């Protein structure tokens, strides 16, 4: 399935906005969209929200909390049901964080030499 995040339709944008407002990583205090966790999201023709998401780690204990937040925020508002898949095929990296996510992380004390260095420039990757 081709990602709908680069050119979201109106329903997908509404879905992403609900996730931005309501689905917050409890450890970091930043929403899952701006953290770069959401790999794909759409609402199908039957009104089902289909989301593919990753986490910082496969052993993250907050996956259920994040899934519950998403279900509570989405079902009955922008969609009739939620199909949420956690995938780790494409590993999460700090470079996945949006500029808004970086600003929010800095506001809550991460970055600037803190516990999680949040890069504003792409990391040099040697080949």
Protein backbone atom coordinates (compact mmCIF):
# COMPACT_ATOMS: atom_id res chain seq x y z
CA UNK A 1 0.00 0.00 0.00
CA UNK A 2 1.39 3.41 -0.99
CA UNK A 3 1.63 5.87 1.91
CA UNK A 4 -1.14 8.46 2.14
CA UNK A 5 0.86 10.73 4.43
CA UNK A 6 2.66 12.73 1.74
CA UNK A 7 -0.58 13.82 0.04
CA UNK A 8 -3.46 13.17 2.44
CA UNK A 9 -7.05 13.56 1.34
CA UNK A 10 -9.49 15.48 3.54
CA UNK A 11 -10.57 12.44 5.58
CA UNK A 12 -6.95 11.34 6.15
CA UNK A 13 -5.98 14.87 7.22
CA UNK A 14 -8.87 14.83 9.70
CA UNK A 15 -7.66 11.46 11.00
CA UNK A 16 -4.10 12.78 11.39
CA UNK A 17 -5.37 15.86 13.21
CA UNK A 18 -7.27 13.70 15.70
CA UNK A 19 -4.07 11.70 16.28
CA UNK A 20 -2.09 14.94 16.78
CA UNK A 21 -4.58 16.15 19.38
CA UNK A 22 -5.33 12.92 21.21
CA UNK A 23 -2.64 10.29 20.79
CA UNK A 24 0.32 11.39 22.89
CA UNK A 25 3.37 9.32 23.80
CA UNK A 26 3.14 9.30 27.62
CA UNK A 27 6.92 9.25 28.08
CA UNK A 28 7.72 12.09 25.70
CA UNK A 29 4.58 14.24 25.81
CA UNK A 30 4.50 14.57 22.01
CA UNK A 31 1.89 13.21 19.61
CA UNK A 32 2.57 10.10 17.55
CA UNK A 33 2.29 11.94 14.21
CA UNK A 34 4.98 14.50 15.03
CA UNK A 35 7.19 11.83 16.58
CA UNK A 36 7.14 10.10 13.19
CA UNK A 37 5.51 6.93 14.49
CA UNK A 38 2.63 6.95 11.98
CA UNK A 39 3.80 5.27 8.79
CA UNK A 40 0.47 5.29 6.98
CA UNK A 41 -3.10 6.32 7.78
CA UNK A 42 -6.33 6.46 5.85
CA UNK A 43 -10.07 6.04 6.19
CA UNK A 44 -11.42 3.47 3.74
CA UNK A 45 -14.70 3.57 1.83
CA UNK A 46 -16.46 1.73 4.70
CA UNK A 47 -15.43 4.34 7.26
CA UNK A 48 -12.70 2.20 8.82
CA UNK A 49 -9.52 3.99 9.90
CA UNK A 50 -6.49 1.96 8.89
CA UNK A 51 -3.24 3.00 10.56
CA UNK A 52 0.25 1.56 10.32
CA UNK A 53 2.46 2.76 13.15
CA UNK A 54 5.84 2.03 14.62
CA UNK A 55 7.28 2.77 18.05
CA UNK A 56 10.79 3.57 19.27
CA UNK A 57 11.27 -0.10 20.06
CA UNK A 58 9.52 -3.42 19.55
CA UNK A 59 9.55 -3.88 23.33
CA UNK A 60 7.99 -0.49 24.11
CA UNK A 61 5.59 -1.08 27.01
CA UNK A 62 3.37 1.83 25.90
CA UNK A 63 2.05 0.26 22.69
CA UNK A 64 -1.25 -0.70 24.34
CA UNK A 65 -1.64 2.76 25.88
CA UNK A 66 -1.06 4.43 22.52
CA UNK A 67 -3.44 1.99 20.77
CA UNK A 68 -6.13 2.68 23.40
CA UNK A 69 -5.69 6.44 22.96
CA UNK A 70 -6.04 6.10 19.20
CA UNK A 71 -9.13 3.90 19.44
CA UNK A 72 -10.84 6.23 21.94
CA UNK A 73 -10.09 9.31 19.81
CA UNK A 74 -10.98 7.86 16.41
CA UNK A 75 -13.88 5.43 16.75
CA UNK A 76 -17.14 7.30 16.63
CA UNK A 77 -15.56 10.57 15.49
CA UNK A 78 -13.70 10.26 12.19
CA UNK A 79 -14.25 6.52 11.67
CA UNK A 80 -16.57 3.72 12.64
CA UNK A 81 -13.73 1.29 13.41
CA UNK A 82 -9.96 1.25 13.78
CA UNK A 83 -7.51 -1.25 12.34
CA UNK A 84 -4.14 -0.45 13.92
CA UNK A 85 -1.03 -2.37 13.00
CA UNK A 86 2.30 -1.89 14.72
CA UNK A 87 5.08 -2.53 12.24
CA UNK A 88 8.82 -2.53 12.68
CA UNK A 89 9.84 -3.23 9.08
CA UNK A 90 10.97 0.38 8.79
CA UNK A 91 12.67 1.19 12.10
CA UNK A 92 11.89 4.47 13.82
CA UNK A 93 14.78 6.96 13.90
CA UNK A 94 15.04 10.38 15.55
CA UNK A 95 15.23 11.81 12.02
CA UNK A 96 11.54 10.80 11.62
CA UNK A 97 10.48 13.52 14.07
CA UNK A 98 8.82 16.52 12.42
CA UNK A 99 9.95 20.09 13.08
CA UNK A 100 6.88 20.58 15.29
CA UNK A 101 7.81 17.43 17.18
CA UNK A 102 11.36 18.69 17.71
CA UNK A 103 10.07 22.00 19.07
CA UNK A 104 7.71 20.19 21.42
CA UNK A 105 10.47 17.86 22.64
CA UNK A 106 12.67 20.86 23.38
CA UNK A 107 9.77 22.50 25.27
CA UNK A 108 9.45 19.44 27.52
CA UNK A 109 13.21 19.22 28.14
CA UNK A 110 14.62 16.93 25.46
CA UNK A 111 17.32 18.04 23.04
CA UNK A 112 19.94 20.73 23.46
CA UNK A 113 22.28 18.26 25.13
CA UNK A 114 19.48 16.67 27.20
CA UNK A 115 18.69 12.97 27.51
CA UNK A 116 17.63 12.67 23.86
CA UNK A 117 19.59 14.63 21.31
CA UNK A 118 17.08 15.87 18.75
CA UNK A 119 18.85 16.77 15.53
CA UNK A 120 17.60 19.62 13.43
CA UNK A 121 19.98 18.70 10.62
CA UNK A 122 20.16 15.27 8.99
CA UNK A 123 22.82 13.05 10.51
CA UNK A 124 25.85 12.30 8.36
CA UNK A 125 25.64 8.69 7.28
CA UNK A 126 28.86 7.23 5.94
CA UNK A 127 28.58 4.70 3.15
